[in-house]
Amino acid sequence: MAYGLIPILPASANIDLENFGVFLPENSVADIRKVIFDAAKMDVDECKQRAILTAAAIRENYSPEKFNISLKNAVQQIVSKKSSRAVI
């Protein structure tokens, strides 16, 4: 996706597809087939625009640096919740 590959993902992937990705409603063979065929019919200009938006979104929101910050924040939240529950 960092190079512009347009994602086709279900909600369980936990990635906000904003206006660049293609939502996959169900993980059934029929839905996957339909979404893939629909994506293959996408206009060239729309495909280019989505590819640009995909690469930009990944750079901004899913970089290794952002991951490290998110992980650090999550660990700090867990530790602070555990500390506040500790009985002294």
PDB file of N, CA and C in Angstrom:
ATOM      1  N   MET A   1       0.817  -1.189   0.000  1.00  0.00           N
ATOM      2  CA  MET A   1       0.000   0.000   0.000  1.00  0.00           C
ATOM      3  C   MET A   1       0.866   1.261   0.000  1.00  0.00           C
ATOM      4  N   ALA A   2       2.058   1.188   0.539  1.00  0.00           N
ATOM      5  CA  ALA A   2       2.937   2.353   0.565  1.00  0.00           C
ATOM      6  C   ALA A   2       3.314   2.814  -0.843  1.00  0.00           C
ATOM      7  N   TYR A   3       3.180   1.932  -1.824  1.00  0.00           N
ATOM      8  CA  TYR A   3       3.491   2.271  -3.207  1.00  0.00           C
ATOM      9  C   TYR A   3       2.250   2.544  -4.034  1.00  0.00           C
ATOM     10  N   GLY A   4       1.073   2.602  -3.370  1.00  0.00           N
ATOM     11  CA  GLY A   4      -0.149   2.954  -4.073  1.00  0.00           C
ATOM     12  C   GLY A   4      -1.082   1.800  -4.385  1.00  0.00           C
ATOM     13  N   LEU A   5      -0.781   0.613  -3.886  1.00  0.00           N
ATOM     14  CA  LEU A   5      -1.692  -0.509  -4.097  1.00  0.00           C
ATOM     15  C   LEU A   5      -2.994  -0.223  -3.352  1.00  0.00           C
ATOM     16  N   ILE A   6      -4.094  -0.203  -4.046  1.00  0.00           N
ATOM     17  CA  ILE A   6      -5.382   0.137  -3.456  1.00  0.00           C
ATOM     18  C   ILE A   6      -5.875  -1.044  -2.617  1.00  0.00           C
ATOM     19  N   PRO A   7      -6.099  -0.823  -1.329  1.00  0.00           N
ATOM     20  CA  PRO A   7      -6.525  -1.929  -0.472  1.00  0.00           C
ATOM     21  C   PRO A   7      -7.998  -2.275  -0.670  1.00  0.00           C
ATOM     22  N   ILE A   8      -8.276  -3.549  -0.623  1.00  0.00           N
ATOM     23  CA  ILE A   8      -9.644  -4.064  -0.596  1.00  0.00           C
ATOM     24  C   ILE A   8      -9.732  -4.858   0.693  1.00  0.00           C
ATOM     25  N   LEU A   9     -10.406  -4.276   1.702  1.00  0.00           N
ATOM     26  CA  LEU A   9     -10.354  -4.841   3.043  1.00  0.00           C
ATOM     27  C   LEU A   9     -11.714  -4.865   3.729  1.00  0.00           C
ATOM     28  N   PRO A  10     -11.903  -5.852   4.601  1.00  0.00           N
ATOM     29  CA  PRO A  10     -13.109  -5.880   5.433  1.00  0.00           C
ATOM     30  C   PRO A  10     -12.906  -4.991   6.661  1.00  0.00           C
ATOM     31  N   ALA A  11     -13.970  -4.735   7.389  1.00  0.00           N
ATOM     32  CA  ALA A  11     -13.893  -3.914   8.599  1.00  0.00           C
ATOM     33  C   ALA A  11     -12.946  -4.530   9.624  1.00  0.00           C
ATOM     34  N   SER A  12     -12.827  -5.845   9.650  1.00  0.00           N
ATOM     35  CA  SER A  12     -11.978  -6.527  10.627  1.00  0.00           C
ATOM     36  C   SER A  12     -10.495  -6.206  10.444  1.00  0.00           C
ATOM     37  N   ALA A  13     -10.106  -5.629   9.312  1.00  0.00           N
ATOM     38  CA  ALA A  13      -8.707  -5.241   9.099  1.00  0.00           C
ATOM     39  C   ALA A  13      -8.338  -4.042   9.964  1.00  0.00           C
ATOM     40  N   ASN A  14      -9.350  -3.329  10.446  1.00  0.00           N
ATOM     41  CA  ASN A  14      -9.150  -2.192  11.359  1.00  0.00           C
ATOM     42  C   ASN A  14      -8.286  -1.093  10.735  1.00  0.00           C
ATOM     43  N   ILE A  15      -8.492  -0.859   9.450  1.00  0.00           N
ATOM     44  CA  ILE A  15      -7.824   0.232   8.748  1.00  0.00           C
ATOM     45  C   ILE A  15      -8.908   1.122   8.166  1.00  0.00           C
ATOM     46  N   ASP A  16      -8.834   2.411   8.478  1.00  0.00           N
ATOM     47  CA  ASP A  16      -9.792   3.364   7.942  1.00  0.00           C
ATOM     48  C   ASP A  16      -9.483   3.568   6.466  1.00  0.00           C
ATOM     49  N   LEU A  17     -10.360   3.105   5.612  1.00  0.00           N
ATOM     50  CA  LEU A  17     -10.138   3.180   4.168  1.00  0.00           C
ATOM     51  C   LEU A  17     -10.429   4.561   3.590  1.00  0.00           C
ATOM     52  N   GLU A  18     -10.959   5.445   4.412  1.00  0.00           N
ATOM     53  CA  GLU A  18     -11.247   6.818   4.007  1.00  0.00           C
ATOM     54  C   GLU A  18     -11.834   6.849   2.605  1.00  0.00           C
ATOM     55  N   ASN A  19     -11.191   7.575   1.701  1.00  0.00           N
ATOM     56  CA  ASN A  19     -11.679   7.664   0.320  1.00  0.00           C
ATOM     57  C   ASN A  19     -10.724   7.005  -0.669  1.00  0.00           C
ATOM     58  N   PHE A  20      -9.820   6.153  -0.167  1.00  0.00           N
ATOM     59  CA  PHE A  20      -8.853   5.528  -1.070  1.00  0.00           C
ATOM     60  C   PHE A  20      -9.065   4.035  -1.252  1.00  0.00           C
ATOM     61  N   GLY A  21      -9.574   3.356  -0.247  1.00  0.00           N
ATOM     62  CA  GLY A  21      -9.700   1.906  -0.316  1.00  0.00           C
ATOM     63  C   GLY A  21     -11.069   1.458  -0.775  1.00  0.00           C
ATOM     64  N   VAL A  22     -11.194   0.160  -0.925  1.00  0.00           N
ATOM     65  CA  VAL A  22     -12.456  -0.465  -1.319  1.00  0.00           C
ATOM     66  C   VAL A  22     -12.891  -1.370  -0.173  1.00  0.00           C
ATOM     67  N   PHE A  23     -14.093  -1.143   0.300  1.00  0.00           N
ATOM     68  CA  PHE A  23     -14.621  -1.907   1.431  1.00  0.00           C
ATOM     69  C   PHE A  23     -15.134  -3.264   0.967  1.00  0.00           C
ATOM     70  N   LEU A  24     -14.780  -4.286   1.703  1.00  0.00           N
ATOM     71  CA  LEU A  24     -15.244  -5.650   1.452  1.00  0.00           C
ATOM     72  C   LEU A  24     -16.288  -5.979   2.519  1.00  0.00           C
ATOM     73  N   PRO A  25     -17.573  -6.033   2.145  1.00  0.00           N
ATOM     74  CA  PRO A  25     -18.628  -6.204   3.153  1.00  0.00           C
ATOM     75  C   PRO A  25     -18.566  -7.525   3.917  1.00  0.00           C
ATOM     76  N   GLU A  26     -18.288  -8.590   3.240  1.00  0.00           N
ATOM     77  CA  GLU A  26     -18.222  -9.917   3.860  1.00  0.00           C
ATOM     78  C   GLU A  26     -17.007 -10.655   3.309  1.00  0.00           C
ATOM     79  N   ASN A  27     -16.518 -11.611   4.082  1.00  0.00           N
ATOM     80  CA  ASN A  27     -15.381 -12.415   3.626  1.00  0.00           C
ATOM     81  C   ASN A  27     -15.826 -13.680   2.917  1.00  0.00           C
ATOM     82  N   SER A  28     -16.924 -13.593   2.222  1.00  0.00           N
ATOM     83  CA  SER A  28     -17.422 -14.753   1.477  1.00  0.00           C
ATOM     84  C   SER A  28     -16.822 -14.748   0.068  1.00  0.00           C
ATOM     85  N   VAL A  29     -16.774 -15.898  -0.532  1.00  0.00           N
ATOM     86  CA  VAL A  29     -16.233 -16.008  -1.889  1.00  0.00           C
ATOM     87  C   VAL A  29     -17.042 -15.138  -2.847  1.00  0.00           C
ATOM     88  N   ALA A  30     -18.352 -15.137  -2.696  1.00  0.00           N
ATOM     89  CA  ALA A  30     -19.209 -14.349  -3.589  1.00  0.00           C
ATOM     90  C   ALA A  30     -18.925 -12.853  -3.463  1.00  0.00           C
ATOM     91  N   ASP A  31     -18.798 -12.357  -2.227  1.00  0.00           N
ATOM     92  CA  ASP A  31     -18.515 -10.934  -2.035  1.00  0.00           C
ATOM     93  C   ASP A  31     -17.123 -10.565  -2.525  1.00  0.00           C
ATOM     94  N   ILE A  32     -16.155 -11.417  -2.255  1.00  0.00           N
ATOM     95  CA  ILE A  32     -14.787 -11.150  -2.720  1.00  0.00           C
ATOM     96  C   ILE A  32     -14.768 -11.077  -4.244  1.00  0.00           C
ATOM     97  N   ARG A  33     -15.419 -12.024  -4.869  1.00  0.00           N
ATOM     98  CA  ARG A  33     -15.479 -12.046  -6.338  1.00  0.00           C
ATOM     99  C   ARG A  33     -16.124 -10.778  -6.874  1.00  0.00           C
ATOM    100  N   LYS A  34     -17.261 -10.369  -6.286  1.00  0.00           N
ATOM    101  CA  LYS A  34     -17.979  -9.187  -6.753  1.00  0.00           C
ATOM    102  C   LYS A  34     -17.133  -7.936  -6.586  1.00  0.00           C
ATOM    103  N   VAL A  35     -16.535  -7.768  -5.430  1.00  0.00           N
ATOM    104  CA  VAL A  35     -15.731  -6.566  -5.166  1.00  0.00           C
ATOM    105  C   VAL A  35     -14.519  -6.512  -6.091  1.00  0.00           C
ATOM    106  N   ILE A  36     -13.886  -7.638  -6.319  1.00  0.00           N
ATOM    107  CA  ILE A  36     -12.723  -7.674  -7.218  1.00  0.00           C
ATOM    108  C   ILE A  36     -13.128  -7.324  -8.645  1.00  0.00           C
ATOM    109  N   PHE A  37     -14.232  -7.886  -9.115  1.00  0.00           N
ATOM    110  CA  PHE A  37     -14.689  -7.573 -10.473  1.00  0.00           C
ATOM    111  C   PHE A  37     -15.087  -6.101 -10.586  1.00  0.00           C
ATOM    112  N   ASP A  38     -15.746  -5.565  -9.557  1.00  0.00           N
ATOM    113  CA  ASP A  38     -16.110  -4.140  -9.566  1.00  0.00           C
ATOM    114  C   ASP A  38     -14.863  -3.261  -9.571  1.00  0.00           C
ATOM    115  N   ALA A  39     -13.857  -3.627  -8.770  1.00  0.00           N
ATOM    116  CA  ALA A  39     -12.614  -2.850  -8.713  1.00  0.00           C
ATOM    117  C   ALA A  39     -11.888  -2.904 -10.062  1.00  0.00           C
ATOM    118  N   ALA A  40     -11.948  -4.027 -10.733  1.00  0.00           N
ATOM    119  CA  ALA A  40     -11.291  -4.167 -12.034  1.00  0.00           C
ATOM    120  C   ALA A  40     -11.920  -3.256 -13.082  1.00  0.00           C
ATOM    121  N   LYS A  41     -13.167  -2.871 -12.879  1.00  0.00           N
ATOM    122  CA  LYS A  41     -13.868  -1.979 -13.810  1.00  0.00           C
ATOM    123  C   LYS A  41     -13.666  -0.504 -13.466  1.00  0.00           C
ATOM    124  N   MET A  42     -12.886  -0.226 -12.426  1.00  0.00           N
ATOM    125  CA  MET A  42     -12.693   1.148 -11.975  1.00  0.00           C
ATOM    126  C   MET A  42     -12.050   1.991 -13.084  1.00  0.00           C
ATOM    127  N   ASP A  43     -12.534   3.198 -13.235  1.00  0.00           N
ATOM    128  CA  ASP A  43     -12.004   4.147 -14.199  1.00  0.00           C
ATOM    129  C   ASP A  43     -10.514   4.385 -13.923  1.00  0.00           C
ATOM    130  N   VAL A  44      -9.735   4.559 -14.960  1.00  0.00           N
ATOM    131  CA  VAL A  44      -8.286   4.736 -14.822  1.00  0.00           C
ATOM    132  C   VAL A  44      -7.954   5.948 -13.954  1.00  0.00           C
ATOM    133  N   ASP A  45      -8.649   7.055 -14.170  1.00  0.00           N
ATOM    134  CA  ASP A  45      -8.381   8.262 -13.378  1.00  0.00           C
ATOM    135  C   ASP A  45      -8.712   8.046 -11.907  1.00  0.00           C
ATOM    136  N   GLU A  46      -9.820   7.352 -11.635  1.00  0.00           N
ATOM    137  CA  GLU A  46     -10.173   7.057 -10.246  1.00  0.00           C
ATOM    138  C   GLU A  46      -9.128   6.139  -9.623  1.00  0.00           C
ATOM    139  N   CYS A  47      -8.670   5.178 -10.381  1.00  0.00           N
ATOM    140  CA  CYS A  47      -7.645   4.251  -9.894  1.00  0.00           C
ATOM    141  C   CYS A  47      -6.357   5.002  -9.553  1.00  0.00           C
ATOM    142  N   LYS A  48      -5.940   5.908 -10.423  1.00  0.00           N
ATOM    143  CA  LYS A  48      -4.739   6.702 -10.162  1.00  0.00           C
ATOM    144  C   LYS A  48      -4.913   7.554  -8.915  1.00  0.00           C
ATOM    145  N   GLN A  49      -6.075   8.205  -8.794  1.00  0.00           N
ATOM    146  CA  GLN A  49      -6.324   9.068  -7.639  1.00  0.00           C
ATOM    147  C   GLN A  49      -6.313   8.258  -6.343  1.00  0.00           C
ATOM    148  N   ARG A  50      -6.957   7.096  -6.350  1.00  0.00           N
ATOM    149  CA  ARG A  50      -6.982   6.245  -5.155  1.00  0.00           C
ATOM    150  C   ARG A  50      -5.570   5.759  -4.803  1.00  0.00           C
ATOM    151  N   ALA A  51      -4.773   5.459  -5.814  1.00  0.00           N
ATOM    152  CA  ALA A  51      -3.398   5.010  -5.574  1.00  0.00           C
ATOM    153  C   ALA A  51      -2.581   6.116  -4.905  1.00  0.00           C
ATOM    154  N   ILE A  52      -2.734   7.333  -5.369  1.00  0.00           N
ATOM    155  CA  ILE A  52      -2.032   8.469  -4.767  1.00  0.00           C
ATOM    156  C   ILE A  52      -2.488   8.670  -3.330  1.00  0.00           C
ATOM    157  N   LEU A  53      -3.802   8.621  -3.112  1.00  0.00           N
ATOM    158  CA  LEU A  53      -4.347   8.802  -1.759  1.00  0.00           C
ATOM    159  C   LEU A  53      -3.920   7.675  -0.825  1.00  0.00           C
ATOM    160  N   THR A  54      -3.850   6.460  -1.360  1.00  0.00           N
ATOM    161  CA  THR A  54      -3.414   5.317  -0.551  1.00  0.00           C
ATOM    162  C   THR A  54      -1.987   5.517  -0.065  1.00  0.00           C
ATOM    163  N   ALA A  55      -1.093   5.836  -0.974  1.00  0.00           N
ATOM    164  CA  ALA A  55       0.313   6.026  -0.607  1.00  0.00           C
ATOM    165  C   ALA A  55       0.459   7.152   0.412  1.00  0.00           C
ATOM    166  N   ALA A  56      -0.277   8.235   0.222  1.00  0.00           N
ATOM    167  CA  ALA A  56      -0.204   9.366   1.153  1.00  0.00           C
ATOM    168  C   ALA A  56      -0.732   8.975   2.531  1.00  0.00           C
ATOM    169  N   ALA A  57      -1.853   8.264   2.569  1.00  0.00           N
ATOM    170  CA  ALA A  57      -2.437   7.858   3.852  1.00  0.00           C
ATOM    171  C   ALA A  57      -1.512   6.919   4.609  1.00  0.00           C
ATOM    172  N   ILE A  58      -0.861   6.025   3.909  1.00  0.00           N
ATOM    173  CA  ILE A  58       0.049   5.088   4.557  1.00  0.00           C
ATOM    174  C   ILE A  58       1.261   5.830   5.111  1.00  0.00           C
ATOM    175  N   ARG A  59       1.808   6.754   4.343  1.00  0.00           N
ATOM    176  CA  ARG A  59       2.948   7.553   4.824  1.00  0.00           C
ATOM    177  C   ARG A  59       2.572   8.336   6.085  1.00  0.00           C
ATOM    178  N   GLU A  60       1.371   8.910   6.090  1.00  0.00           N
ATOM    179  CA  GLU A  60       0.963   9.770   7.201  1.00  0.00           C
ATOM    180  C   GLU A  60       0.495   8.987   8.428  1.00  0.00           C
ATOM    181  N   ASN A  61      -0.209   7.888   8.222  1.00  0.00           N
ATOM    182  CA  ASN A  61      -0.892   7.223   9.340  1.00  0.00           C
ATOM    183  C   ASN A  61      -0.339   5.867   9.738  1.00  0.00           C
ATOM    184  N   TYR A  62       0.430   5.233   8.891  1.00  0.00           N
ATOM    185  CA  TYR A  62       0.857   3.858   9.169  1.00  0.00           C
ATOM    186  C   TYR A  62       2.360   3.666   9.038  1.00  0.00           C
ATOM    187  N   SER A  63       3.119   4.703   9.302  1.00  0.00           N
ATOM    188  CA  SER A  63       4.574   4.612   9.236  1.00  0.00           C
ATOM    189  C   SER A  63       5.094   3.867  10.463  1.00  0.00           C
ATOM    190  N   PRO A  64       6.316   3.370  10.409  1.00  0.00           N
ATOM    191  CA  PRO A  64       6.897   2.732  11.601  1.00  0.00           C
ATOM    192  C   PRO A  64       6.930   3.675  12.800  1.00  0.00           C
ATOM    193  N   GLU A  65       7.176   4.951  12.541  1.00  0.00           N
ATOM    194  CA  GLU A  65       7.204   5.929  13.636  1.00  0.00           C
ATOM    195  C   GLU A  65       5.839   6.051  14.300  1.00  0.00           C
ATOM    196  N   LYS A  66       4.778   6.120  13.490  1.00  0.00           N
ATOM    197  CA  LYS A  66       3.408   6.199  14.033  1.00  0.00           C
ATOM    198  C   LYS A  66       3.077   4.931  14.816  1.00  0.00           C
ATOM    199  N   PHE A  67       3.510   3.787  14.305  1.00  0.00           N
ATOM    200  CA  PHE A  67       3.274   2.533  15.005  1.00  0.00           C
ATOM    201  C   PHE A  67       3.941   2.557  16.378  1.00  0.00           C
ATOM    202  N   ASN A  68       5.194   3.001  16.431  1.00  0.00           N
ATOM    203  CA  ASN A  68       5.908   3.068  17.706  1.00  0.00           C
ATOM    204  C   ASN A  68       5.214   3.990  18.692  1.00  0.00           C
ATOM    205  N   ILE A  69       4.740   5.125  18.226  1.00  0.00           N
ATOM    206  CA  ILE A  69       4.026   6.060  19.092  1.00  0.00           C
ATOM    207  C   ILE A  69       2.733   5.431  19.605  1.00  0.00           C
ATOM    208  N   SER A  70       1.978   4.801  18.725  1.00  0.00           N
ATOM    209  CA  SER A  70       0.725   4.161  19.127  1.00  0.00           C
ATOM    210  C   SER A  70       0.965   3.031  20.117  1.00  0.00           C
ATOM    211  N   LEU A  71       1.983   2.234  19.875  1.00  0.00           N
ATOM    212  CA  LEU A  71       2.306   1.130  20.777  1.00  0.00           C
ATOM    213  C   LEU A  71       2.722   1.666  22.144  1.00  0.00           C
ATOM    214  N   LYS A  72       3.561   2.683  22.150  1.00  0.00           N
ATOM    215  CA  LYS A  72       4.001   3.284  23.406  1.00  0.00           C
ATOM    216  C   LYS A  72       2.802   3.829  24.188  1.00  0.00           C
ATOM    217  N   ASN A  73       1.903   4.522  23.506  1.00  0.00           N
ATOM    218  CA  ASN A  73       0.710   5.064  24.168  1.00  0.00           C
ATOM    219  C   ASN A  73      -0.174   3.951  24.728  1.00  0.00           C
ATOM    220  N   ALA A  74      -0.329   2.881  23.972  1.00  0.00           N
ATOM    221  CA  ALA A  74      -1.157   1.767  24.436  1.00  0.00           C
ATOM    222  C   ALA A  74      -0.557   1.122  25.679  1.00  0.00           C
ATOM    223  N   VAL A  75       0.750   0.908  25.677  1.00  0.00           N
ATOM    224  CA  VAL A  75       1.417   0.308  26.832  1.00  0.00           C
ATOM    225  C   VAL A  75       1.311   1.234  28.041  1.00  0.00           C
ATOM    226  N   GLN A  76       1.480   2.534  27.830  1.00  0.00           N
ATOM    227  CA  GLN A  76       1.357   3.486  28.936  1.00  0.00           C
ATOM    228  C   GLN A  76      -0.055   3.476  29.523  1.00  0.00           C
ATOM    229  N   GLN A  77      -1.066   3.371  28.674  1.00  0.00           N
ATOM    230  CA  GLN A  77      -2.448   3.306  29.163  1.00  0.00           C
ATOM    231  C   GLN A  77      -2.682   2.044  29.979  1.00  0.00           C
ATOM    232  N   ILE A  78      -2.174   0.936  29.519  1.00  0.00           N
ATOM    233  CA  ILE A  78      -2.335  -0.329  30.242  1.00  0.00           C
ATOM    234  C   ILE A  78      -1.642  -0.250  31.599  1.00  0.00           C
ATOM    235  N   VAL A  79      -0.424   0.245  31.608  1.00  0.00           N
ATOM    236  CA  VAL A  79       0.339   0.344  32.852  1.00  0.00           C
ATOM    237  C   VAL A  79      -0.354   1.292  33.826  1.00  0.00           C
ATOM    238  N   SER A  80      -0.840   2.419  33.348  1.00  0.00           N
ATOM    239  CA  SER A  80      -1.488   3.381  34.242  1.00  0.00           C
ATOM    240  C   SER A  80      -2.794   2.829  34.791  1.00  0.00           C
ATOM    241  N   LYS A  81      -3.529   2.048  34.020  1.00  0.00           N
ATOM    242  CA  LYS A  81      -4.767   1.434  34.513  1.00  0.00           C
ATOM    243  C   LYS A  81      -4.447   0.384  35.569  1.00  0.00           C
ATOM    244  N   LYS A  82      -3.411  -0.413  35.327  1.00  0.00           N
ATOM    245  CA  LYS A  82      -3.018  -1.420  36.301  1.00  0.00           C
ATOM    246  C   LYS A  82      -2.526  -0.762  37.587  1.00  0.00           C
ATOM    247  N   SER A  83      -1.777   0.335  37.452  1.00  0.00           N
ATOM    248  CA  SER A  83      -1.259   1.040  38.623  1.00  0.00           C
ATOM    249  C   SER A  83      -2.381   1.647  39.462  1.00  0.00           C
ATOM    250  N   SER A  84      -3.405   2.152  38.791  1.00  0.00           N
ATOM    251  CA  SER A  84      -4.513   2.768  39.528  1.00  0.00           C
ATOM    252  C   SER A  84      -5.374   1.734  40.233  1.00  0.00           C
ATOM    253  N   ARG A  85      -5.312   0.497  39.801  1.00  0.00           N
ATOM    254  CA  ARG A  85      -6.085  -0.586  40.437  1.00  0.00           C
ATOM    255  C   ARG A  85      -5.333  -1.250  41.570  1.00  0.00           C
ATOM    256  N   ALA A  86      -4.025  -1.032  41.631  1.00  0.00           N
ATOM    257  CA  ALA A  86      -3.204  -1.694  42.653  1.00  0.00           C
ATOM    258  C   ALA A  86      -3.612  -1.236  44.050  1.00  0.00           C
ATOM    259  N   VAL A  87      -3.710  -2.189  44.940  1.00  0.00           N
ATOM    260  CA  VAL A  87      -4.062  -1.896  46.330  1.00  0.00           C
ATOM    261  C   VAL A  87      -2.781  -1.878  47.135  1.00  0.00           C
ATOM    262  N   ILE A  88      -2.569  -0.792  47.843  1.00  0.00           N
ATOM    263  CA  ILE A  88      -1.333  -0.657  48.628  1.00  0.00           C
ATOM    264  C   ILE A  88      -1.649  -0.815  50.090  1.00  0.00           C
TER     265      ILE A  88
END
